[in-house]
N, C-alpha and C. Protein backbone atom coordinates (compact mmCIF):
# COMPACT_ATOMS: atom_id res chain seq x y z
N UNK A 1 7.46 -19.06 -14.97
CA UNK A 1 9.13 -18.75 -14.59
C UNK A 1 9.04 -19.56 -13.60
N UNK A 2 10.34 -20.42 -13.26
CA UNK A 2 10.73 -21.38 -12.17
C UNK A 2 11.60 -20.47 -11.45
N UNK A 3 11.18 -20.83 -9.66
CA UNK A 3 11.71 -20.07 -8.83
C UNK A 3 13.19 -20.87 -8.29
N UNK A 4 13.87 -20.04 -8.18
CA UNK A 4 15.57 -20.82 -8.40
C UNK A 4 15.68 -20.39 -6.90
N UNK A 5 16.13 -21.31 -5.92
CA UNK A 5 16.55 -20.90 -4.16
C UNK A 5 18.40 -20.60 -4.87
N UNK A 6 18.68 -19.24 -4.25
CA UNK A 6 19.55 -18.85 -4.70
C UNK A 6 19.94 -17.88 -3.57
N UNK A 7 21.09 -17.66 -3.26
CA UNK A 7 21.69 -17.06 -2.07
C UNK A 7 22.68 -15.94 -2.89
N UNK A 8 22.52 -14.44 -2.79
CA UNK A 8 22.87 -13.27 -3.18
C UNK A 8 22.91 -12.18 -2.37
N UNK A 9 22.89 -11.56 -3.25
CA UNK A 9 23.17 -9.33 -2.83
C UNK A 9 22.25 -9.14 -3.86
N UNK A 10 21.46 -8.11 -3.54
CA UNK A 10 20.66 -7.55 -4.15
C UNK A 10 21.51 -6.61 -5.61
N UNK A 11 22.27 -6.06 -4.58
CA UNK A 11 22.95 -4.94 -5.21
C UNK A 11 23.99 -5.54 -6.12
N UNK A 12 24.14 -6.91 -6.75
CA UNK A 12 24.82 -7.40 -7.36
C UNK A 12 24.22 -8.37 -8.62
N UNK A 13 22.75 -7.82 -8.21
CA UNK A 13 22.23 -8.76 -10.04
C UNK A 13 21.56 -7.81 -10.45
N UNK A 14 21.76 -6.52 -10.37
CA UNK A 14 21.49 -5.62 -11.30
C UNK A 14 22.74 -4.60 -11.68
N UNK A 15 22.92 -4.04 -12.57
CA UNK A 15 24.68 -3.51 -13.24
C UNK A 15 24.15 -1.82 -13.18
N UNK A 16 24.66 -0.81 -13.13
CA UNK A 16 24.94 0.33 -13.89
C UNK A 16 24.97 0.51 -15.32
N UNK A 17 24.54 1.41 -16.34
CA UNK A 17 24.86 1.32 -17.39
C UNK A 17 24.92 3.15 -17.80
N UNK A 18 25.93 3.83 -17.83
CA UNK A 18 25.68 4.74 -18.08
C UNK A 18 24.55 5.63 -18.73
N UNK A 19 24.56 6.74 -18.37
CA UNK A 19 23.10 7.40 -19.36
C UNK A 19 21.63 6.36 -19.51
N UNK A 20 21.56 5.67 -18.24
CA UNK A 20 20.32 4.56 -18.66
C UNK A 20 19.57 4.11 -17.68
N UNK A 21 18.85 3.14 -17.53
CA UNK A 21 17.96 2.99 -17.04
C UNK A 21 18.17 1.56 -16.66
N UNK A 22 18.48 0.37 -16.11
CA UNK A 22 18.43 -1.22 -16.16
C UNK A 22 17.15 -1.87 -15.15
N UNK A 23 16.56 -2.49 -15.94
CA UNK A 23 15.52 -3.55 -15.46
C UNK A 23 15.92 -4.84 -15.44
N UNK A 24 15.38 -5.43 -13.82
CA UNK A 24 15.41 -6.59 -14.62
C UNK A 24 14.35 -7.64 -13.37
N UNK A 25 13.50 -8.48 -13.81
CA UNK A 25 12.44 -8.56 -13.30
C UNK A 25 12.79 -10.03 -12.64
N UNK A 26 12.59 -9.99 -11.32
CA UNK A 26 12.98 -11.49 -10.73
C UNK A 26 12.24 -12.60 -10.48
N UNK A 27 10.69 -11.70 -10.25
CA UNK A 27 9.79 -12.49 -9.86
C UNK A 27 8.53 -11.90 -10.52
N UNK A 28 7.70 -12.83 -11.47
CA UNK A 28 6.73 -12.66 -11.82
C UNK A 28 5.30 -13.35 -11.86
N UNK A 29 4.39 -12.97 -11.58
CA UNK A 29 3.59 -13.61 -11.01
C UNK A 29 2.18 -13.21 -10.95
N UNK A 30 0.86 -13.91 -11.01
CA UNK A 30 -0.07 -13.15 -11.66
C UNK A 30 -0.86 -11.92 -10.43
N UNK A 31 -0.24 -11.94 -9.30
CA UNK A 31 -0.46 -11.35 -7.93
C UNK A 31 0.37 -10.57 -7.77
N UNK A 32 1.73 -10.69 -8.29
CA UNK A 32 2.32 -9.28 -8.61
C UNK A 32 4.05 -9.44 -9.05
N UNK A 33 4.56 -8.81 -8.95
CA UNK A 33 5.92 -8.71 -9.52
C UNK A 33 7.10 -8.48 -8.58
N UNK A 34 8.25 -8.56 -8.81
CA UNK A 34 9.45 -8.24 -8.14
C UNK A 34 10.40 -7.63 -9.20
N UNK A 35 11.25 -6.26 -9.14
CA UNK A 35 11.97 -5.87 -10.56
C UNK A 35 12.91 -5.10 -9.69
N UNK A 36 13.88 -5.30 -10.36
CA UNK A 36 15.43 -4.80 -10.00
C UNK A 36 15.64 -3.30 -10.77
N UNK A 37 16.25 -2.68 -10.35
CA UNK A 37 16.00 -1.48 -11.21
C UNK A 37 17.71 -0.70 -10.58
N UNK A 38 18.44 -0.18 -11.97
CA UNK A 38 19.90 0.41 -11.77
C UNK A 38 19.16 1.86 -12.42
N UNK A 39 19.70 2.94 -12.00
CA UNK A 39 19.36 4.33 -12.74
C UNK A 39 20.54 4.92 -12.31
N UNK A 40 21.30 5.28 -13.50
CA UNK A 40 22.22 6.40 -13.67
C UNK A 40 21.97 7.83 -13.12
N UNK A 41 22.76 8.15 -12.55
CA UNK A 41 22.53 10.11 -11.94
C UNK A 41 21.73 10.81 -12.86
N UNK A 42 20.54 11.33 -12.86
CA UNK A 42 20.14 11.98 -13.34
C UNK A 42 19.22 11.38 -14.38
N UNK A 43 18.58 10.09 -14.41
CA UNK A 43 17.87 9.61 -15.13
C UNK A 43 16.63 9.55 -13.83
N UNK A 44 15.09 8.86 -14.88
CA UNK A 44 14.16 8.90 -13.67
C UNK A 44 13.10 7.81 -15.03
N UNK A 45 12.22 8.00 -14.55
CA UNK A 45 10.35 7.63 -14.59
C UNK A 45 9.63 8.84 -14.53
N UNK A 46 9.35 9.13 -15.62
CA UNK A 46 7.88 10.37 -15.52
C UNK A 46 6.93 10.35 -14.93
N UNK A 47 6.45 11.41 -14.49
CA UNK A 47 4.56 11.13 -13.98
C UNK A 47 3.89 10.02 -14.33
N UNK A 48 3.53 9.38 -13.77
CA UNK A 48 2.50 8.04 -14.23
C UNK A 48 1.79 7.57 -12.85
N UNK A 49 0.60 6.66 -13.61
CA UNK A 49 0.18 6.13 -12.34
C UNK A 49 0.20 4.41 -12.66
N UNK A 50 -0.09 3.53 -11.71
CA UNK A 50 -0.29 2.60 -11.99
C UNK A 50 -1.55 1.75 -11.45
N UNK A 51 -2.11 0.88 -11.89
CA UNK A 51 -3.68 0.52 -10.74
C UNK A 51 -3.50 -0.18 -9.64
N UNK A 52 -1.58 -0.43 -9.09
CA UNK A 52 -1.40 -1.56 -8.28
C UNK A 52 -0.91 -0.94 -7.50
N UNK A 53 -1.04 -1.36 -5.74
CA UNK A 53 0.26 -0.62 -4.93
C UNK A 53 1.77 -1.45 -5.17
N UNK A 54 2.57 -0.19 -4.54
CA UNK A 54 4.03 -0.59 -5.09
C UNK A 54 4.96 -0.35 -4.29
N UNK A 55 5.78 -1.12 -3.48
CA UNK A 55 6.80 -0.91 -2.64
C UNK A 55 7.87 -0.57 -3.15
N UNK A 56 8.62 0.60 -2.99
CA UNK A 56 9.92 0.59 -3.18
C UNK A 56 11.06 0.47 -2.13
N UNK A 57 12.18 0.27 -2.34
CA UNK A 57 13.50 -0.38 -1.39
C UNK A 57 14.39 0.20 -2.36
N UNK A 58 15.18 1.36 -1.46
CA UNK A 58 16.40 1.93 -2.14
C UNK A 58 17.67 1.06 -1.55
N UNK A 59 18.56 0.33 -2.22
CA UNK A 59 19.35 -0.52 -1.96
C UNK A 59 20.51 0.11 -1.99
N UNK A 60 21.01 0.82 -3.24
CA UNK A 60 22.47 1.79 -3.30
C UNK A 60 21.85 2.66 -4.17
N UNK A 61 22.89 3.78 -3.53
CA UNK A 61 22.67 5.57 -3.91
C UNK A 61 21.45 5.93 -3.58
N UNK A 62 21.05 7.33 -4.04
CA UNK A 62 19.68 7.93 -3.17
C UNK A 62 18.72 8.23 -4.29
N UNK A 63 17.48 8.72 -3.83
CA UNK A 63 16.48 8.96 -5.04
C UNK A 63 15.66 9.57 -4.94
N UNK A 64 14.77 10.64 -5.27
CA UNK A 64 14.04 11.66 -5.40
C UNK A 64 12.15 10.44 -5.96
N UNK A 65 11.87 10.15 -4.87
CA UNK A 65 10.30 10.00 -5.22
C UNK A 65 9.48 10.49 -4.98
N UNK A 66 8.37 11.42 -5.83
CA UNK A 66 7.54 12.10 -5.84
C UNK A 66 5.85 11.10 -6.52
N UNK A 67 5.28 11.70 -4.82
CA UNK A 67 4.16 11.13 -4.84
C UNK A 67 2.99 11.89 -4.97
N UNK A 68 1.93 12.46 -6.12
CA UNK A 68 1.15 12.99 -5.38
C UNK A 68 1.35 14.57 -5.56
N UNK A 69 2.69 15.01 -6.36
CA UNK A 69 3.41 15.79 -6.32
C UNK A 69 3.99 16.44 -5.23
N UNK A 70 4.34 15.56 -4.17
CA UNK A 70 5.08 15.79 -2.65
C UNK A 70 5.95 15.22 -2.84
N UNK A 71 7.04 15.72 -3.14
CA UNK A 71 9.00 14.87 -3.25
C UNK A 71 9.45 14.37 -1.46
N UNK A 72 9.67 12.87 -1.86
CA UNK A 72 10.29 12.27 -0.86
C UNK A 72 11.83 11.87 -1.08
N UNK A 73 12.98 12.31 -0.33
CA UNK A 73 14.29 12.05 -1.02
C UNK A 73 14.87 10.47 -0.04
N UNK A 74 15.17 9.80 -0.72
CA UNK A 74 15.31 8.14 -0.01
C UNK A 74 16.54 8.01 -0.75
N UNK A 75 17.32 7.52 0.66
CA UNK A 75 18.74 6.81 0.53
C UNK A 75 18.69 5.32 0.41
N UNK A 76 19.84 5.09 0.62
CA UNK A 76 19.88 2.73 0.85
C UNK A 76 19.41 3.16 2.05
N UNK A 77 18.74 2.00 2.26
CA UNK A 77 18.20 1.32 3.30
C UNK A 77 17.07 1.60 3.16
N UNK A 78 16.12 2.78 2.51
CA UNK A 78 15.05 3.64 3.16
C UNK A 78 14.07 2.57 1.82
N UNK A 79 12.92 3.01 2.61
CA UNK A 79 11.74 2.15 1.57
C UNK A 79 10.34 3.64 1.11
N UNK A 80 9.61 3.20 0.78
CA UNK A 80 8.47 4.23 0.41
C UNK A 80 7.40 3.28 -0.34
N UNK A 81 6.03 3.46 0.08
CA UNK A 81 4.98 2.83 -0.75
C UNK A 81 4.40 3.92 -1.48
N UNK A 82 3.91 3.33 -2.52
CA UNK A 82 3.35 4.59 -3.53
C UNK A 82 1.84 3.37 -4.19
N UNK A 83 0.95 4.16 -3.93
CA UNK A 83 -0.21 3.81 -3.35
C UNK A 83 -1.11 3.75 -5.07
N UNK A 84 -1.67 3.08 -5.02
CA UNK A 84 -2.45 2.61 -6.65
C UNK A 84 -3.03 3.99 -6.76
N UNK A 85 -3.02 4.03 -8.18
CA UNK A 85 -4.19 5.35 -9.00
C UNK A 85 -3.33 6.36 -8.84
N UNK A 86 -1.90 6.62 -7.62
CA UNK A 86 -1.68 7.93 -7.26
C UNK A 86 -0.48 8.71 -8.29
N UNK A 87 -0.29 9.55 -9.03
CA UNK A 87 0.64 9.78 -9.93
C UNK A 87 2.06 9.97 -9.32
N UNK A 88 2.90 9.45 -9.89
CA UNK A 88 4.67 9.03 -9.25
C UNK A 88 5.51 9.11 -10.16
N UNK A 89 6.29 9.92 -9.92
CA UNK A 89 7.85 10.01 -10.59
C UNK A 89 8.87 9.28 -9.59
N UNK A 90 10.11 9.26 -10.48
CA UNK A 90 11.42 8.90 -9.60
C UNK A 90 12.03 9.65 -10.17
N UNK A 91 13.65 9.94 -9.37
CA UNK A 91 14.79 10.48 -10.10
C UNK A 91 15.73 10.06 -9.20
N UNK A 92 16.90 10.12 -10.06
CA UNK A 92 17.89 10.00 -9.31
C UNK A 92 19.07 10.77 -9.04
N UNK A 93 19.06 11.10 -7.78
CA UNK A 93 19.75 12.30 -6.89
C UNK A 93 21.57 11.97 -7.45
N UNK A 94 21.73 10.55 -7.55
CA UNK A 94 22.92 9.94 -7.70
C UNK A 94 22.47 8.91 -8.70
N UNK A 95 23.75 7.93 -8.86
CA UNK A 95 23.31 6.57 -9.33
C UNK A 95 22.57 5.78 -8.14
N UNK A 96 21.49 5.22 -8.49
CA UNK A 96 21.06 4.14 -7.08
C UNK A 96 20.68 2.95 -7.68
N UNK A 97 20.12 2.40 -6.65
CA UNK A 97 19.60 0.92 -7.19
C UNK A 97 18.34 0.46 -6.12
N UNK A 98 17.24 0.19 -7.23
CA UNK A 98 16.33 -0.12 -6.20
C UNK A 98 15.48 -1.12 -6.38
N UNK A 99 14.60 -1.82 -5.34
CA UNK A 99 13.46 -3.23 -6.43
C UNK A 99 11.99 -2.34 -5.69
N UNK A 100 11.58 -2.91 -6.83
CA UNK A 100 10.34 -2.44 -6.70
C UNK A 100 9.13 -3.78 -6.69
N UNK A 101 8.29 -3.80 -5.54
CA UNK A 101 7.72 -4.76 -5.53
C UNK A 101 5.96 -4.43 -5.49
N UNK A 102 5.55 -4.93 -6.76
CA UNK A 102 4.26 -4.58 -7.09
C UNK A 102 3.31 -5.59 -6.87
N UNK A 103 1.91 -5.24 -6.21
CA UNK A 103 1.19 -6.40 -5.61
C UNK A 103 0.15 -6.11 -6.38
N UNK A 104 -0.56 -7.08 -7.03
CA UNK A 104 -1.79 -6.63 -7.87
C UNK A 104 -2.99 -7.38 -7.16
N UNK A 105 -2.93 -7.75 -5.60
CA UNK A 105 -4.37 -8.61 -5.49
C UNK A 105 -4.64 -7.93 -3.71
């Protein structure tokens, strides 16, 4: 994947779709990825684990992020780290957009 120098707004790089979750991987490297997501209200990701630490940054709307059974309410401009191997889930309290940085090393 070629990295392109481009000025833009994250909010414009992924669009909402009714009743769906939309994702767009913008960086994919052996040591990590950056993926943008747009969740319609009520959509989410069920409980799962990942073998790597991940950083979530909400840049539009709000979401509930549950890590090891503990809920965290995030709104635009807020971030949370999801530690490796911890059970986590996400749910859109309203439409929201986020980016996820997965660090593999």
